[in-house]
Protein backbone atom coordinates (compact mmCIF):
# COMPACT_ATOMS: atom_id res chain seq x y z
CA MET A 1 9.18 11.24 -21.44
CA ASN A 2 10.14 10.08 -17.94
CA VAL A 3 9.64 6.42 -17.09
CA ALA A 4 10.04 4.47 -13.88
CA PHE A 5 11.43 0.97 -14.37
CA ILE A 6 10.96 -1.77 -11.74
CA PRO A 7 12.68 -5.06 -12.62
CA VAL A 8 11.42 -8.10 -10.70
CA ARG A 9 12.04 -11.78 -11.28
CA GLY A 10 10.49 -14.97 -10.01
CA GLY A 11 13.72 -16.73 -9.09
CA SER A 12 14.60 -15.16 -5.73
CA LYS A 13 16.62 -17.64 -3.66
CA SER A 14 16.57 -16.14 -0.13
CA ILE A 15 12.79 -15.54 -0.06
CA PRO A 16 10.90 -17.43 -2.82
CA LEU A 17 8.72 -15.11 -4.94
CA LYS A 18 9.48 -12.33 -2.46
CA ASN A 19 8.40 -9.62 -4.90
CA ILE A 20 4.74 -10.66 -4.48
CA LYS A 21 4.92 -11.95 -0.91
CA LEU A 22 2.51 -9.89 1.20
CA MET A 23 4.17 -6.98 2.98
CA ALA A 24 1.80 -5.11 5.33
CA GLY A 25 -1.13 -6.67 3.47
CA LYS A 26 0.05 -5.94 -0.10
CA PRO A 27 2.48 -7.64 -2.52
CA LEU A 28 6.00 -6.28 -1.93
CA VAL A 29 6.25 -4.73 -5.41
CA TYR A 30 2.98 -2.84 -4.77
CA TRP A 31 4.73 -0.31 -2.54
CA THR A 32 7.42 0.88 -4.93
CA ALA A 33 4.96 0.74 -7.84
CA ARG A 34 2.62 3.02 -5.90
CA ALA A 35 5.41 5.47 -5.11
CA ALA A 36 6.47 5.53 -8.78
CA CYS A 37 2.90 6.04 -10.00
CA GLU A 38 2.23 8.83 -7.49
CA CYS A 39 5.42 10.66 -8.48
CA ARG A 40 4.49 13.93 -10.22
CA TYR A 41 7.17 13.56 -12.88
CA THR A 42 6.70 9.99 -14.15
CA ASP A 43 4.72 9.55 -17.36
CA LYS A 44 4.81 5.74 -17.41
CA VAL A 45 5.74 3.06 -14.88
CA PHE A 46 6.92 -0.34 -16.10
CA ILE A 47 7.20 -3.51 -14.03
CA CYS A 48 9.44 -5.87 -15.97
CA THR A 49 9.19 -9.56 -15.07
CA ASP A 50 9.77 -13.09 -16.31
CA SER A 51 7.14 -14.58 -13.97
CA ASP A 52 3.49 -15.21 -14.85
CA ARG A 53 2.59 -15.28 -11.16
CA ILE A 54 4.13 -11.86 -10.60
CA ARG A 55 2.36 -10.52 -13.69
CA GLU A 56 -0.99 -11.80 -12.39
CA ALA A 57 -0.44 -10.28 -8.94
CA VAL A 58 0.51 -6.91 -10.43
CA GLU A 59 -2.42 -6.90 -12.84
CA ALA A 60 -4.73 -7.64 -9.89
CA PHE A 61 -3.75 -4.57 -7.85
CA ARG A 62 -3.47 -2.45 -11.00
CA ARG A 63 -7.15 -3.10 -11.72
CA GLU A 64 -8.22 -2.47 -8.15
CA GLU A 65 -6.75 0.99 -7.54
CA SER A 66 -6.97 4.06 -9.76
CA CYS A 67 -3.52 5.31 -8.67
CA PHE A 68 -1.96 2.65 -10.95
CA SER A 69 -3.23 4.16 -14.21
CA LYS A 70 0.39 4.77 -15.32
CA LEU A 71 1.42 1.17 -14.69
CA GLU A 72 2.18 -1.43 -17.35
CA VAL A 73 3.66 -4.92 -17.01
CA VAL A 74 6.23 -5.94 -19.63
CA ALA A 75 8.28 -9.08 -20.19
CA ARG A 76 11.99 -9.64 -19.71
CA SER A 77 14.06 -12.37 -21.29
CA ALA A 78 15.11 -15.51 -19.45
CA GLU A 79 18.73 -14.44 -19.96
CA SER A 80 18.13 -11.16 -18.09
CA ALA A 81 16.46 -12.99 -15.17
CA THR A 82 19.33 -15.30 -14.21
CA ASP A 83 21.20 -15.04 -10.91
CA THR A 84 24.26 -13.68 -12.70
CA ALA A 85 22.58 -11.09 -14.95
CA SER A 86 23.18 -7.49 -13.88
CA THR A 87 20.43 -4.93 -13.43
CA GLU A 88 22.04 -2.90 -16.20
CA PHE A 89 21.56 -5.88 -18.53
CA VAL A 90 17.77 -5.80 -18.16
CA MET A 91 17.73 -1.98 -18.28
CA LEU A 92 19.55 -2.02 -21.62
CA GLU A 93 17.24 -4.76 -22.89
CA PHE A 94 14.27 -2.55 -21.96
CA ALA A 95 15.88 0.51 -23.58
CA LYS A 96 16.14 -1.30 -26.93
CA GLN A 97 12.42 -2.02 -26.91
CA HIS A 98 10.91 1.23 -25.58
CA ASP A 99 11.07 4.94 -26.34
CA PHE A 100 11.74 7.33 -23.46
CA ASP A 101 13.99 10.23 -22.54
CA ASN A 102 14.86 9.56 -18.92
CA ILE A 103 14.60 6.51 -16.69
CA ALA A 104 14.28 6.01 -12.94
CA LEU A 105 15.43 2.56 -11.89
CA VAL A 106 13.31 1.67 -8.85
CA GLN A 107 14.12 -1.36 -6.67
CA ALA A 108 11.15 -3.42 -5.47
CA THR A 109 13.12 -4.40 -2.34
CA SER A 110 12.96 -0.80 -1.05
CA PRO A 111 9.28 -0.50 0.00
CA LEU A 112 9.98 2.52 2.23
CA LEU A 113 10.42 4.62 -0.92
CA GLU A 114 7.90 7.49 -1.12
CA ALA A 115 6.63 9.42 -4.14
CA ALA A 116 8.10 12.57 -2.55
CA ASP A 117 11.59 11.01 -2.72
CA LEU A 118 11.21 10.44 -6.46
CA ASP A 119 9.81 13.96 -6.90
CA LYS A 120 12.98 15.35 -5.32
CA GLY A 121 15.07 13.11 -7.54
CA PHE A 122 13.52 14.36 -10.79
CA GLU A 123 13.68 17.96 -9.59
CA LEU A 124 17.42 17.57 -8.95
CA PHE A 125 17.87 15.77 -12.26
CA SER A 126 16.30 18.67 -14.16
CA GLY A 127 18.78 21.13 -12.63
CA LYS A 128 21.91 22.46 -14.29
CA GLU A 129 24.99 20.27 -14.69
CA THR A 130 23.28 17.11 -13.45
CA ASP A 131 23.67 13.88 -15.40
CA SER A 132 22.35 11.37 -12.85
CA VAL A 133 20.67 11.21 -9.45
CA MET A 134 20.66 8.45 -6.85
CA SER A 135 19.10 7.88 -3.43
CA VAL A 136 21.34 7.71 -0.39
CA VAL A 137 21.21 7.63 3.40
CA HIS A 138 23.41 9.86 5.55
CA GLN A 139 25.27 7.67 8.05
CA TYR A 140 27.13 8.73 11.17
CA ARG A 141 29.19 5.61 11.94
CA PHE A 142 32.83 5.09 12.74
CA ASN A 143 34.21 2.72 10.10
CA TRP A 144 37.14 0.33 10.43
CA LYS A 145 38.98 -2.07 8.14
CA TYR A 146 41.62 -4.80 8.39
CA ASP A 147 45.19 -3.80 7.59
CA GLU A 148 47.77 -6.07 5.96
CA ARG A 149 48.74 -7.59 9.36
CA GLY A 150 45.17 -8.46 10.38
CA PHE A 151 44.67 -5.59 12.81
CA ILE A 152 41.80 -3.15 12.40
CA VAL A 153 42.29 0.55 11.75
CA PRO A 154 39.79 3.43 11.51
CA THR A 155 38.99 4.73 8.04
CA ASN A 156 36.99 7.89 8.70
CA TYR A 157 38.10 9.34 12.05
CA ASP A 158 41.00 9.67 14.48
CA VAL A 159 40.63 7.44 17.56
CA PHE A 160 42.47 10.05 19.64
CA HIS A 161 40.06 12.77 18.54
CA ARG A 162 36.68 11.04 18.52
CA PRO A 163 34.17 13.61 17.22
CA ARG A 164 30.76 14.17 18.71
CA ARG A 165 27.86 13.37 16.37
CA GLN A 166 27.06 17.05 15.80
CA GLU A 167 30.68 17.64 14.80
CA PHE A 168 30.96 14.59 12.56
CA ALA A 169 30.28 15.10 8.85
CA GLY A 170 29.47 11.41 8.37
CA TYR A 171 29.21 9.86 4.93
CA LEU A 172 26.67 8.87 2.29
CA VAL A 173 25.62 5.28 1.56
CA GLU A 174 23.60 4.02 -1.39
CA ASN A 175 20.30 2.62 -0.18
CA GLY A 176 19.42 1.18 -3.60
CA ALA A 177 15.92 2.69 -3.70
CA PHE A 178 16.24 4.55 -7.02
CA TYR A 179 18.61 5.87 -9.68
CA ILE A 180 17.76 8.40 -12.41
CA THR A 181 19.62 8.95 -15.66
CA SER A 182 18.91 9.65 -19.33
CA LYS A 183 18.41 6.94 -21.92
CA GLU A 184 21.33 8.40 -23.87
CA ARG A 185 23.72 8.02 -20.94
CA LEU A 186 22.39 4.59 -20.00
CA VAL A 187 23.04 3.28 -23.51
CA SER A 188 26.42 4.99 -23.97
CA THR A 189 27.89 4.14 -20.53
CA LYS A 190 25.92 0.92 -19.91
CA ASN A 191 25.57 2.04 -16.30
CA ARG A 192 22.65 3.21 -14.16
CA VAL A 193 24.46 6.44 -13.18
CA SER A 194 27.29 8.39 -14.76
CA GLY A 195 28.73 11.86 -15.21
CA LYS A 196 27.90 14.51 -12.62
CA ILE A 197 25.82 12.78 -9.95
CA ARG A 198 23.59 14.35 -7.31
CA ALA A 199 21.89 12.65 -4.36
CA VAL A 200 18.52 12.58 -2.64
CA GLU A 201 18.90 11.83 1.07
CA MET A 202 16.15 9.50 2.26
CA CYS A 203 15.18 8.61 5.84
CA GLU A 204 17.63 6.51 7.82
CA GLU A 205 15.23 3.53 7.93
CA SER A 206 15.35 3.30 4.13
CA PHE A 207 18.91 1.97 4.43
CA LEU A 208 17.29 -1.44 4.99
CA GLU A 209 16.69 -3.65 1.96
CA ILE A 210 14.87 -6.97 1.89
CA ASP A 211 17.42 -9.69 1.28
CA GLU A 212 16.79 -12.03 4.22
CA PRO A 213 13.70 -13.09 6.24
CA SER A 214 14.91 -11.04 9.23
CA ASP A 215 14.93 -7.89 7.05
CA TRP A 216 11.33 -8.63 6.16
CA MET A 217 10.09 -8.59 9.75
CA ILE A 218 11.82 -5.30 10.57
CA ILE A 219 10.64 -3.48 7.46
CA GLU A 220 7.09 -4.80 7.73
CA GLY A 221 6.82 -3.26 11.19
CA LEU A 222 8.01 0.09 9.81
CA MET A 223 5.60 -0.19 6.88
CA ARG A 224 2.58 -0.84 9.09
CA GLU A 225 3.44 2.18 11.23
CA ARG A 226 3.86 4.37 8.14
CA GLU A 227 0.61 3.22 6.57
CA LEU A 228 -1.26 3.81 9.82
CA LYS A 229 -0.10 7.44 9.81
CA ARG A 230 -0.95 7.76 6.13
CA ARG A 231 -4.47 6.48 6.67
CA GLN A 232 -5.03 8.76 9.64
CA ALA A 233 -3.98 11.72 7.53
CA LYS A 234 -5.99 10.75 4.47
CA THR A 235 -9.29 9.37 5.81
CA PRO A 236 -11.94 11.23 3.76
CA GLU A 237 -15.12 12.79 5.13
CA ILE A 238 -17.81 10.12 5.53
CA LYS A 239 -21.11 11.07 3.86
CA MET A 240 -22.66 7.60 3.53
CA PHE A 241 -22.42 4.72 6.03
CA LEU A 242 -23.37 1.25 4.74
CA THR A 243 -23.12 -2.14 6.39
CA ASP A 244 -23.80 -5.84 5.96
CA VAL A 245 -25.97 -7.54 8.58
CA ASP A 246 -24.77 -11.01 9.63
CA GLY A 247 -21.33 -10.89 11.18
CA CYS A 248 -21.46 -7.08 11.48
CA LEU A 249 -24.75 -6.00 13.06
CA THR A 250 -25.13 -9.53 14.44
CA ASP A 251 -22.75 -12.19 15.69
CA GLY A 252 -23.48 -14.29 12.60
CA GLY A 253 -25.28 -16.92 14.66
CA MET A 254 -28.56 -18.51 13.63
CA TYR A 255 -31.05 -18.89 16.50
CA TYR A 256 -34.43 -20.65 16.43
CA SER A 257 -37.37 -20.63 18.82
CA GLU A 258 -39.24 -23.76 19.86
CA LYS A 259 -41.71 -22.98 17.08
CA GLY A 260 -38.92 -22.88 14.53
CA ASP A 261 -38.90 -19.09 14.15
CA GLU A 262 -35.53 -17.64 13.11
CA LEU A 263 -34.01 -15.17 15.59
CA LYS A 264 -31.08 -12.78 15.38
CA LYS A 265 -29.09 -11.03 18.09
CA TYR A 266 -28.52 -7.32 17.41
CA ASN A 267 -26.65 -4.88 19.66
CA THR A 268 -28.50 -1.88 21.10
CA ARG A 269 -25.33 0.26 21.03
CA ASP A 270 -25.43 0.08 17.24
CA GLY A 271 -28.92 1.59 17.35
CA MET A 272 -27.54 4.65 19.13
CA ALA A 273 -24.69 4.78 16.60
CA PHE A 274 -27.10 5.11 13.67
CA LYS A 275 -28.96 7.87 15.57
CA LEU A 276 -25.68 9.78 15.97
CA LEU A 277 -24.91 9.33 12.28
CA ARG A 278 -28.33 10.63 11.25
CA GLU A 279 -27.88 13.70 13.45
CA LYS A 280 -24.69 14.46 11.54
CA GLY A 281 -26.52 14.25 8.22
CA ILE A 282 -24.83 11.01 7.13
CA ILE A 283 -26.85 8.71 4.84
CA THR A 284 -27.16 5.28 6.47
CA GLY A 285 -28.10 1.90 5.08
CA ILE A 286 -27.95 -1.88 5.02
CA ILE A 287 -26.87 -3.96 2.03
CA THR A 288 -27.34 -7.69 2.55
CA SER A 289 -27.54 -10.82 0.43
CA GLU A 290 -30.32 -12.09 2.72
CA ASN A 291 -33.97 -11.24 2.22
CA VAL A 292 -35.62 -11.90 5.56
CA GLU A 293 -38.32 -10.07 7.51
CA LEU A 294 -36.15 -9.70 10.63
CA ASN A 295 -33.63 -7.52 8.78
CA ARG A 296 -36.35 -5.36 7.23
CA ARG A 297 -37.95 -4.69 10.63
CA ARG A 298 -34.56 -3.86 12.13
CA ALA A 299 -33.80 -1.41 9.31
CA GLU A 300 -37.16 0.29 9.89
CA LYS A 301 -36.61 0.56 13.63
CA LEU A 302 -33.16 2.08 13.05
CA LYS A 303 -34.76 4.59 10.62
CA LEU A 304 -32.16 3.86 7.94
CA ASP A 305 -32.27 5.69 4.62
CA ILE A 306 -31.35 2.62 2.57
CA TYR A 307 -32.31 -1.05 2.83
CA LEU A 308 -31.19 -3.35 0.00
CA PRO A 309 -32.06 -7.02 0.71
CA GLY A 310 -31.19 -9.96 -1.54
CA CYS A 311 -28.24 -8.06 -3.01
CA LYS A 312 -25.83 -10.36 -4.86
CA ASP A 313 -23.53 -7.64 -6.27
CA LYS A 314 -22.80 -5.24 -3.43
CA ALA A 315 -20.11 -3.33 -5.34
CA ALA A 316 -22.58 -2.54 -8.14
CA ALA A 317 -25.18 -1.50 -5.55
CA ILE A 318 -22.74 0.90 -3.88
CA THR A 319 -21.83 2.37 -7.26
CA ARG A 320 -25.53 3.01 -8.01
CA LEU A 321 -26.05 4.61 -4.59
CA SER A 322 -23.01 6.81 -5.17
CA GLU A 323 -24.60 8.10 -8.38
CA GLN A 324 -28.11 8.36 -6.92
CA TYR A 325 -27.04 10.44 -3.91
CA HIS A 326 -24.23 12.27 -5.75
CA ILE A 327 -21.72 11.08 -3.16
CA PRO A 328 -18.24 10.09 -4.43
CA LEU A 329 -17.17 6.53 -3.62
CA GLU A 330 -14.28 7.85 -1.55
CA ASN A 331 -16.82 9.37 0.89
CA ILE A 332 -18.63 6.07 1.44
CA LEU A 333 -17.87 3.80 4.40
CA TYR A 334 -18.76 0.13 4.12
CA VAL A 335 -18.65 -2.51 6.86
CA GLY A 336 -18.29 -6.13 5.76
CA ASP A 337 -17.02 -9.37 7.22
CA ASP A 338 -16.94 -12.13 4.59
CA ILE A 339 -15.60 -12.83 1.11
CA ASN A 340 -18.81 -11.66 -0.59
CA ASP A 341 -18.04 -8.19 0.84
CA ILE A 342 -14.54 -7.89 -0.67
CA GLU A 343 -15.54 -6.29 -3.98
CA ALA A 344 -17.64 -3.73 -2.11
CA MET A 345 -14.73 -2.99 0.22
CA LYS A 346 -12.43 -2.46 -2.75
CA ILE A 347 -14.50 0.38 -4.15
CA ALA A 348 -15.67 2.02 -0.90
CA GLY A 349 -13.43 4.87 0.21
CA VAL A 350 -13.36 3.62 3.81
CA PRO A 351 -13.73 -0.17 4.07
CA CYS A 352 -14.13 -1.48 7.63
CA CYS A 353 -14.63 -4.85 9.28
CA PRO A 354 -14.96 -6.47 12.74
CA ARG A 355 -11.94 -8.18 14.23
CA ASP A 356 -13.36 -11.67 13.61
CA ALA A 357 -13.89 -11.06 9.90
CA ASN A 358 -12.65 -13.53 7.30
CA LYS A 359 -8.84 -13.37 6.95
CA GLU A 360 -9.06 -12.29 3.30
CA VAL A 361 -11.36 -9.42 4.26
CA LEU A 362 -8.95 -8.12 6.90
CA GLN A 363 -6.33 -7.14 4.33
CA TYR A 364 -8.78 -4.82 2.54
CA ALA A 365 -9.95 -2.96 5.66
CA LYS A 366 -8.75 0.52 6.59
CA CYS A 367 -10.37 0.07 9.98
CA VAL A 368 -10.58 -3.19 11.97
CA THR A 369 -12.64 -2.86 15.15
CA LYS A 370 -11.73 -4.31 18.51
CA ALA A 371 -15.28 -5.61 18.72
CA SER A 372 -16.39 -8.82 17.04
CA GLY A 373 -19.55 -8.98 14.96
CA GLY A 374 -22.68 -8.24 17.00
CA GLU A 375 -20.69 -6.65 19.85
CA GLY A 376 -21.21 -3.00 18.88
CA VAL A 377 -19.09 -2.81 15.71
CA ILE A 378 -21.09 0.12 14.27
CA ARG A 379 -20.90 2.06 17.54
CA GLU A 380 -17.13 1.58 17.73
CA ILE A 381 -16.63 2.84 14.17
CA THR A 382 -18.99 5.77 14.79
CA ASP A 383 -17.15 6.76 17.96
CA MET A 384 -13.86 6.72 16.04
CA MET A 385 -15.40 8.88 13.30
CA ILE A 386 -16.68 11.42 15.79
CA GLY A 387 -13.34 11.43 17.60
CA GLY A 388 -11.48 11.98 14.34
CA ASN A 389 -9.33 8.88 14.72
CA LEU A 390 -10.84 6.41 12.26
CA HIS A 391 -7.96 4.08 11.36
CA GLU A 392 -6.85 0.48 11.50
């Protein structure tokens, strides 16, 4: 059995509780846990922690996303979580308590790790005459060191024969993302790698690890760019388009006439958007916690297939609609703007929101419109769908 092992502790000094600090909208440890779970060769993934707060954060995203079915949170001793305890110490502690054949040590501070990197690692590890595998970055730098007199001297090239990059072999540097070895070797050598070692070369950006706040800002920018590309590549076909009303179809304002009649401001561009969706055979609908006549009349005028007023559990409603229309959840788009939409956004394959949505909602959206609520949010999303560029 192959396991991935991610040790995290609550006592980080440089960035307090950095392992669950949000990185590109998710706890830092989420990213390496996802890569480990999506690896084709891991049977189990263990996050090992001494912190109740980390455990709670991990359990939260484990419940929310099906890709974490391999994931389990286990405890580590206080002794293994001190500033002076080595990573090998906690690995050996884990090895005494769990059965496995091979182990991939994965570092939570390397969020640029991809499942494909781990796949390559296990494929190398299964080859002949390989005892361990580690991740590295190929560097092409000219290195210097101090000599005994305090002068600096080159260590990997001749200053009188400076090579061009294409002529320079360069060197390999550990990036700390992952290490693979057998349980037998781990226990006998008490080291994460030993024997005949092979390497997986990762992208140059993965050389960065999160140790200081400045590292965080750089890597978060890279992560957001990577996730944007990932979402563009993986946005599923939309077969059902559902939305809330206030704050999405309207600006969320409450207007009253002199007679005390309640009024709402809808956007005509959204009406055309629903027409375009119908023409493409997409099921359309409104799910709202309100139960007012204005919304019903608007749904009728838009010729929507679904109108669910007074809905208190939108996630359950979407699940029922998925079953009723035989449309997988991943093919359902939902537009929400407030905290009562979060559970629905978690289960919809393509959760979207307007730019002025609640801050908590923003982190669950795959697409955030440039328009605010009531300013043509549905039309903007529809145009992106038709143009094939639906993304955040």
